[in-house]
PDB file of all heavy atoms in Angstrom:
ATOM      1  N   GLN A   1      53.374 -41.209 173.369  1.00  0.00           N
ATOM      2  CA  GLN A   1      54.464 -41.070 172.407  1.00  0.00           C
ATOM      3  C   GLN A   1      54.357 -39.727 171.694  1.00  0.00           C
ATOM      4  O   GLN A   1      53.251 -39.244 171.429  1.00  0.00           O
ATOM      5  CB  GLN A   1      54.410 -42.187 171.368  1.00  0.00           C
ATOM      6  CG  GLN A   1      54.716 -43.577 171.919  1.00  0.00           C
ATOM      7  CD  GLN A   1      54.401 -44.662 170.910  1.00  0.00           C
ATOM      8  OE1 GLN A   1      53.296 -44.750 170.386  1.00  0.00           O
ATOM      9  NE2 GLN A   1      55.380 -45.506 170.625  1.00  0.00           N
ATOM     10  N   LEU A   2      55.500 -39.154 171.384  1.00  0.00           N
ATOM     11  CA  LEU A   2      55.565 -37.978 170.523  1.00  0.00           C
ATOM     12  C   LEU A   2      56.045 -38.412 169.145  1.00  0.00           C
ATOM     13  O   LEU A   2      56.911 -39.278 169.013  1.00  0.00           O
ATOM     14  CB  LEU A   2      56.540 -36.937 171.087  1.00  0.00           C
ATOM     15  CG  LEU A   2      56.187 -36.264 172.415  1.00  0.00           C
ATOM     16  CD1 LEU A   2      57.268 -35.258 172.780  1.00  0.00           C
ATOM     17  CD2 LEU A   2      54.829 -35.596 172.359  1.00  0.00           C
ATOM     18  N   TRP A   3      55.477 -37.780 168.105  1.00  0.00           N
ATOM     19  CA  TRP A   3      55.851 -38.055 166.719  1.00  0.00           C
ATOM     20  C   TRP A   3      55.996 -36.737 165.978  1.00  0.00           C
ATOM     21  O   TRP A   3      55.241 -35.787 166.224  1.00  0.00           O
ATOM     22  CB  TRP A   3      54.759 -38.873 166.022  1.00  0.00           C
ATOM     23  CG  TRP A   3      54.376 -40.149 166.697  1.00  0.00           C
ATOM     24  CD1 TRP A   3      53.525 -40.290 167.767  1.00  0.00           C
ATOM     25  CD2 TRP A   3      54.807 -41.471 166.358  1.00  0.00           C
ATOM     26  NE1 TRP A   3      53.402 -41.614 168.105  1.00  0.00           N
ATOM     27  CE2 TRP A   3      54.176 -42.361 167.264  1.00  0.00           C
ATOM     28  CE3 TRP A   3      55.654 -41.988 165.378  1.00  0.00           C
ATOM     29  CZ2 TRP A   3      54.373 -43.741 167.212  1.00  0.00           C
ATOM     30  CZ3 TRP A   3      55.847 -43.355 165.330  1.00  0.00           C
ATOM     31  CH2 TRP A   3      55.226 -44.217 166.236  1.00  0.00           C
ATOM     32  N   CYS A   4      56.927 -36.676 165.024  1.00  0.00           N
ATOM     33  CA  CYS A   4      56.989 -35.567 164.079  1.00  0.00           C
ATOM     34  C   CYS A   4      56.158 -35.957 162.859  1.00  0.00           C
ATOM     35  O   CYS A   4      56.387 -37.021 162.270  1.00  0.00           O
ATOM     36  CB  CYS A   4      58.433 -35.304 163.641  1.00  0.00           C
ATOM     37  SG  CYS A   4      59.499 -34.624 164.933  1.00  0.00           S
ATOM     38  N   VAL A   5      55.194 -35.132 162.507  1.00  0.00           N
ATOM     39  CA  VAL A   5      54.302 -35.490 161.406  1.00  0.00           C
ATOM     40  C   VAL A   5      54.066 -34.300 160.477  1.00  0.00           C
ATOM     41  O   VAL A   5      54.203 -33.144 160.880  1.00  0.00           O
ATOM     42  CB  VAL A   5      52.927 -35.993 161.915  1.00  0.00           C
ATOM     43  CG1 VAL A   5      53.105 -37.123 162.918  1.00  0.00           C
ATOM     44  CG2 VAL A   5      52.107 -34.864 162.525  1.00  0.00           C
ATOM     45  N   ILE A   6      53.713 -34.622 159.249  1.00  0.00           N
ATOM     46  CA  ILE A   6      53.195 -33.627 158.307  1.00  0.00           C
ATOM     47  C   ILE A   6      51.751 -34.003 158.017  1.00  0.00           C
ATOM     48  O   ILE A   6      51.468 -35.131 157.582  1.00  0.00           O
ATOM     49  CB  ILE A   6      54.022 -33.584 157.018  1.00  0.00           C
ATOM     50  CG1 ILE A   6      55.398 -32.975 157.309  1.00  0.00           C
ATOM     51  CG2 ILE A   6      53.301 -32.776 155.928  1.00  0.00           C
ATOM     52  CD1 ILE A   6      56.313 -32.874 156.104  1.00  0.00           C
ATOM     53  N   ASP A   7      50.840 -33.095 158.309  1.00  0.00           N
ATOM     54  CA  ASP A   7      49.425 -33.293 158.041  1.00  0.00           C
ATOM     55  C   ASP A   7      49.191 -32.935 156.572  1.00  0.00           C
ATOM     56  O   ASP A   7      49.353 -31.780 156.173  1.00  0.00           O
ATOM     57  CB  ASP A   7      48.604 -32.389 158.965  1.00  0.00           C
ATOM     58  CG  ASP A   7      47.106 -32.485 158.716  1.00  0.00           C
ATOM     59  OD1 ASP A   7      46.680 -33.336 157.904  1.00  0.00           O
ATOM     60  OD2 ASP A   7      46.365 -31.701 159.341  1.00  0.00           O
ATOM     61  N   LEU A   8      48.816 -33.910 155.756  1.00  0.00           N
ATOM     62  CA  LEU A   8      48.691 -33.669 154.324  1.00  0.00           C
ATOM     63  C   LEU A   8      47.570 -32.694 153.997  1.00  0.00           C
ATOM     64  O   LEU A   8      47.553 -32.130 152.897  1.00  0.00           O
ATOM     65  CB  LEU A   8      48.476 -34.997 153.589  1.00  0.00           C
ATOM     66  CG  LEU A   8      49.622 -36.014 153.723  1.00  0.00           C
ATOM     67  CD1 LEU A   8      49.435 -37.158 152.739  1.00  0.00           C
ATOM     68  CD2 LEU A   8      50.979 -35.359 153.528  1.00  0.00           C
ATOM     69  N   ALA A   9      46.658 -32.473 154.921  1.00  0.00           N
ATOM     70  CA  ALA A   9      45.603 -31.485 154.710  1.00  0.00           C
ATOM     71  C   ALA A   9      46.052 -30.081 155.107  1.00  0.00           C
ATOM     72  O   ALA A   9      45.365 -29.101 154.820  1.00  0.00           O
ATOM     73  CB  ALA A   9      44.350 -31.873 155.499  1.00  0.00           C
ATOM     74  N   ASN A  10      47.211 -29.991 155.762  1.00  0.00           N
ATOM     75  CA  ASN A  10      47.730 -28.692 156.211  1.00  0.00           C
ATOM     76  C   ASN A  10      49.245 -28.651 156.036  1.00  0.00           C
ATOM     77  O   ASN A  10      49.993 -28.377 156.984  1.00  0.00           O
ATOM     78  CB  ASN A  10      47.369 -28.464 157.688  1.00  0.00           C
ATOM     79  CG  ASN A  10      45.879 -28.349 157.916  1.00  0.00           C
ATOM     80  OD1 ASN A  10      45.271 -27.316 157.635  1.00  0.00           O
ATOM     81  ND2 ASN A  10      45.287 -29.423 158.415  1.00  0.00           N
ATOM     82  N   LYS A  11      49.695 -28.911 154.818  1.00  0.00           N
ATOM     83  CA  LYS A  11      51.138 -28.965 154.561  1.00  0.00           C
ATOM     84  C   LYS A  11      51.836 -27.649 154.861  1.00  0.00           C
ATOM     85  O   LYS A  11      53.029 -27.623 155.177  1.00  0.00           O
ATOM     86  CB  LYS A  11      51.396 -29.357 153.105  1.00  0.00           C
ATOM     87  CG  LYS A  11      51.115 -30.814 152.789  1.00  0.00           C
ATOM     88  CD  LYS A  11      51.519 -31.127 151.352  1.00  0.00           C
ATOM     89  CE  LYS A  11      51.348 -32.586 151.024  1.00  0.00           C
ATOM     90  NZ  LYS A  11      51.765 -32.899 149.628  1.00  0.00           N
ATOM     91  N   ASP A  12      51.100 -26.553 154.763  1.00  0.00           N
ATOM     92  CA  ASP A  12      51.704 -25.244 154.994  1.00  0.00           C
ATOM     93  C   ASP A  12      52.186 -25.071 156.427  1.00  0.00           C
ATOM     94  O   ASP A  12      53.008 -24.182 156.702  1.00  0.00           O
ATOM     95  CB  ASP A  12      50.700 -24.134 154.659  1.00  0.00           C
ATOM     96  CG  ASP A  12      49.421 -24.239 155.490  1.00  0.00           C
ATOM     97  OD1 ASP A  12      48.840 -25.334 155.547  1.00  0.00           O
ATOM     98  OD2 ASP A  12      49.001 -23.227 156.068  1.00  0.00           O
ATOM     99  N   LYS A  13      51.719 -25.923 157.330  1.00  0.00           N
ATOM    100  CA  LYS A  13      52.149 -25.846 158.728  1.00  0.00           C
ATOM    101  C   LYS A  13      53.483 -26.542 158.964  1.00  0.00           C
ATOM    102  O   LYS A  13      54.040 -26.467 160.059  1.00  0.00           O
ATOM    103  CB  LYS A  13      51.079 -26.424 159.647  1.00  0.00           C
ATOM    104  CG  LYS A  13      49.784 -25.610 159.655  1.00  0.00           C
ATOM    105  CD  LYS A  13      48.804 -26.132 160.682  1.00  0.00           C
ATOM    106  CE  LYS A  13      47.549 -25.265 160.729  1.00  0.00           C
ATOM    107  NZ  LYS A  13      46.583 -25.750 161.748  1.00  0.00           N
ATOM    108  N   GLY A  14      53.998 -27.219 157.941  1.00  0.00           N
ATOM    109  CA  GLY A  14      55.287 -27.884 158.082  1.00  0.00           C
ATOM    110  C   GLY A  14      55.227 -29.061 159.041  1.00  0.00           C
ATOM    111  O   GLY A  14      54.177 -29.659 159.256  1.00  0.00           O
ATOM    112  N   VAL A  15      56.377 -29.381 159.636  1.00  0.00           N
ATOM    113  CA  VAL A  15      56.438 -30.501 160.575  1.00  0.00           C
ATOM    114  C   VAL A  15      55.757 -30.108 161.882  1.00  0.00           C
ATOM    115  O   VAL A  15      56.090 -29.088 162.489  1.00  0.00           O
ATOM    116  CB  VAL A  15      57.895 -30.926 160.842  1.00  0.00           C
ATOM    117  CG1 VAL A  15      57.944 -32.042 161.885  1.00  0.00           C
ATOM    118  CG2 VAL A  15      58.558 -31.395 159.545  1.00  0.00           C
ATOM    119  N   MET A  16      54.802 -30.929 162.301  1.00  0.00           N
ATOM    120  CA  MET A  16      54.057 -30.707 163.529  1.00  0.00           C
ATOM    121  C   MET A  16      54.403 -31.811 164.525  1.00  0.00           C
ATOM    122  O   MET A  16      55.037 -32.804 164.168  1.00  0.00           O
ATOM    123  CB  MET A  16      52.556 -30.694 163.243  1.00  0.00           C
ATOM    124  CG  MET A  16      52.146 -29.736 162.141  1.00  0.00           C
ATOM    125  SD  MET A  16      50.411 -29.938 161.630  1.00  0.00           S
ATOM    126  CE  MET A  16      49.582 -29.156 163.018  1.00  0.00           C
ATOM    127  N   VAL A  17      53.976 -31.635 165.767  1.00  0.00           N
ATOM    128  CA  VAL A  17      54.212 -32.647 166.797  1.00  0.00           C
ATOM    129  C   VAL A  17      52.888 -33.293 167.179  1.00  0.00           C
ATOM    130  O   VAL A  17      51.919 -32.604 167.488  1.00  0.00           O
ATOM    131  CB  VAL A  17      54.885 -32.035 168.044  1.00  0.00           C
ATOM    132  CG1 VAL A  17      54.950 -33.054 169.184  1.00  0.00           C
ATOM    133  CG2 VAL A  17      56.289 -31.551 167.700  1.00  0.00           C
ATOM    134  N   PHE A  18      52.865 -34.605 167.125  1.00  0.00           N
ATOM    135  CA  PHE A  18      51.680 -35.399 167.469  1.00  0.00           C
ATOM    136  C   PHE A  18      51.931 -36.048 168.821  1.00  0.00           C
ATOM    137  O   PHE A  18      52.818 -36.880 168.976  1.00  0.00           O
ATOM    138  CB  PHE A  18      51.461 -36.452 166.388  1.00  0.00           C
ATOM    139  CG  PHE A  18      50.204 -37.278 166.541  1.00  0.00           C
ATOM    140  CD1 PHE A  18      49.138 -36.857 167.322  1.00  0.00           C
ATOM    141  CD2 PHE A  18      50.086 -38.492 165.873  1.00  0.00           C
ATOM    142  CE1 PHE A  18      47.982 -37.620 167.442  1.00  0.00           C
ATOM    143  CE2 PHE A  18      48.928 -39.266 165.976  1.00  0.00           C
ATOM    144  CZ  PHE A  18      47.889 -38.834 166.765  1.00  0.00           C
ATOM    145  N   ASP A  19      51.149 -35.648 169.823  1.00  0.00           N
ATOM    146  CA  ASP A  19      51.227 -36.234 171.161  1.00  0.00           C
ATOM    147  C   ASP A  19      50.103 -37.251 171.260  1.00  0.00           C
ATOM    148  O   ASP A  19      48.930 -36.884 171.310  1.00  0.00           O
ATOM    149  CB  ASP A  19      51.075 -35.142 172.217  1.00  0.00           C
ATOM    150  CG  ASP A  19      50.915 -35.697 173.611  1.00  0.00           C
ATOM    151  OD1 ASP A  19      51.503 -36.748 173.919  1.00  0.00           O
ATOM    152  OD2 ASP A  19      50.176 -35.082 174.415  1.00  0.00           O
ATOM    153  N   ALA A  20      50.443 -38.541 171.277  1.00  0.00           N
ATOM    154  CA  ALA A  20      49.423 -39.574 171.114  1.00  0.00           C
ATOM    155  C   ALA A  20      49.502 -40.647 172.184  1.00  0.00           C
ATOM    156  O   ALA A  20      50.601 -41.020 172.625  1.00  0.00           O
ATOM    157  CB  ALA A  20      49.573 -40.223 169.735  1.00  0.00           C
ATOM    158  N   PRO A  21      48.354 -41.175 172.604  1.00  0.00           N
ATOM    159  CA  PRO A  21      48.352 -42.321 173.502  1.00  0.00           C
ATOM    160  C   PRO A  21      48.812 -43.567 172.754  1.00  0.00           C
ATOM    161  O   PRO A  21      48.720 -43.633 171.528  1.00  0.00           O
ATOM    162  CB  PRO A  21      46.883 -42.443 173.923  1.00  0.00           C
ATOM    163  CG  PRO A  21      46.124 -41.877 172.770  1.00  0.00           C
ATOM    164  CD  PRO A  21      46.988 -40.760 172.224  1.00  0.00           C
ATOM    165  N   PHE A  22      49.318 -44.543 173.499  1.00  0.00           N
ATOM    166  CA  PHE A  22      49.726 -45.792 172.866  1.00  0.00           C
ATOM    167  C   PHE A  22      48.600 -46.828 172.890  1.00  0.00           C
ATOM    168  O   PHE A  22      48.127 -47.260 171.855  1.00  0.00           O
ATOM    169  CB  PHE A  22      50.968 -46.367 173.542  1.00  0.00           C
ATOM    170  CG  PHE A  22      51.377 -47.695 172.956  1.00  0.00           C
ATOM    171  CD1 PHE A  22      52.096 -47.735 171.771  1.00  0.00           C
ATOM    172  CD2 PHE A  22      51.013 -48.890 173.554  1.00  0.00           C
ATOM    173  CE1 PHE A  22      52.442 -48.958 171.193  1.00  0.00           C
ATOM    174  CE2 PHE A  22      51.369 -50.115 173.004  1.00  0.00           C
ATOM    175  CZ  PHE A  22      52.079 -50.151 171.824  1.00  0.00           C
ATOM    176  N   TRP A  23      48.185 -47.217 174.072  1.00  0.00           N
ATOM    177  CA  TRP A  23      47.251 -48.330 174.190  1.00  0.00           C
ATOM    178  C   TRP A  23      45.896 -48.028 173.556  1.00  0.00           C
ATOM    179  O   TRP A  23      45.310 -46.973 173.763  1.00  0.00           O
ATOM    180  CB  TRP A  23      47.054 -48.708 175.664  1.00  0.00           C
ATOM    181  CG  TRP A  23      48.310 -49.165 176.325  1.00  0.00           C
ATOM    182  CD1 TRP A  23      49.001 -48.515 177.316  1.00  0.00           C
ATOM    183  CD2 TRP A  23      49.048 -50.353 176.034  1.00  0.00           C
ATOM    184  NE1 TRP A  23      50.122 -49.232 177.658  1.00  0.00           N
ATOM    185  CE2 TRP A  23      50.179 -50.375 176.897  1.00  0.00           C
ATOM    186  CE3 TRP A  23      48.862 -51.408 175.130  1.00  0.00           C
ATOM    187  CZ2 TRP A  23      51.110 -51.396 176.871  1.00  0.00           C
ATOM    188  CZ3 TRP A  23      49.801 -52.432 175.118  1.00  0.00           C
ATOM    189  CH2 TRP A  23      50.900 -52.434 175.973  1.00  0.00           C
ATOM    190  N   LYS A  24      45.426 -48.985 172.745  1.00  0.00           N
ATOM    191  CA  LYS A  24      44.105 -48.937 172.114  1.00  0.00           C
ATOM    192  C   LYS A  24      43.931 -47.694 171.248  1.00  0.00           C
ATOM    193  O   LYS A  24      42.798 -47.234 171.030  1.00  0.00           O
ATOM    194  CB  LYS A  24      42.986 -49.009 173.162  1.00  0.00           C
ATOM    195  CG  LYS A  24      42.993 -50.298 173.961  1.00  0.00           C
ATOM    196  CD  LYS A  24      41.853 -50.332 174.961  1.00  0.00           C
ATOM    197  CE  LYS A  24      41.877 -51.641 175.764  1.00  0.00           C
ATOM    198  NZ  LYS A  24      40.776 -51.690 176.753  1.00  0.00           N
ATOM    199  N   SER A  25      45.028 -47.157 170.734  1.00  0.00           N
ATOM    200  CA  SER A  25      44.923 -46.001 169.853  1.00  0.00           C
ATOM    201  C   SER A  25      46.124 -45.990 168.909  1.00  0.00           C
ATOM    202  O   SER A  25      46.634 -47.041 168.536  1.00  0.00           O
ATOM    203  CB  SER A  25      44.819 -44.707 170.658  1.00  0.00           C
ATOM    204  OG  SER A  25      44.368 -43.635 169.839  1.00  0.00           O
ATOM    205  N   PHE A  26      46.594 -44.789 168.531  1.00  0.00           N
ATOM    206  CA  PHE A  26      47.544 -44.650 167.442  1.00  0.00           C
ATOM    207  C   PHE A  26      48.769 -45.556 167.561  1.00  0.00           C
ATOM    208  O   PHE A  26      49.107 -46.301 166.647  1.00  0.00           O
ATOM    209  CB  PHE A  26      47.981 -43.189 167.325  1.00  0.00           C
ATOM    210  CG  PHE A  26      48.984 -42.958 166.227  1.00  0.00           C
ATOM    211  CD1 PHE A  26      48.596 -42.936 164.902  1.00  0.00           C
ATOM    212  CD2 PHE A  26      50.331 -42.779 166.532  1.00  0.00           C
ATOM    213  CE1 PHE A  26      49.524 -42.736 163.883  1.00  0.00           C
ATOM    214  CE2 PHE A  26      51.262 -42.571 165.528  1.00  0.00           C
ATOM    215  CZ  PHE A  26      50.853 -42.561 164.202  1.00  0.00           C
ATOM    216  N   GLY A  27      49.473 -45.473 168.688  1.00  0.00           N
ATOM    217  CA  GLY A  27      50.720 -46.215 168.825  1.00  0.00           C
ATOM    218  C   GLY A  27      50.551 -47.716 168.689  1.00  0.00           C
ATOM    219  O   GLY A  27      51.301 -48.378 167.963  1.00  0.00           O
TER     220      GLY A  27
END
């Protein structure tokens, strides 16, 4: 899955893209 995210530790980077596995992890 792809997600649009803001990393609160790096807000200056703006909206980033999180490419994440689904099974047994983030999704």
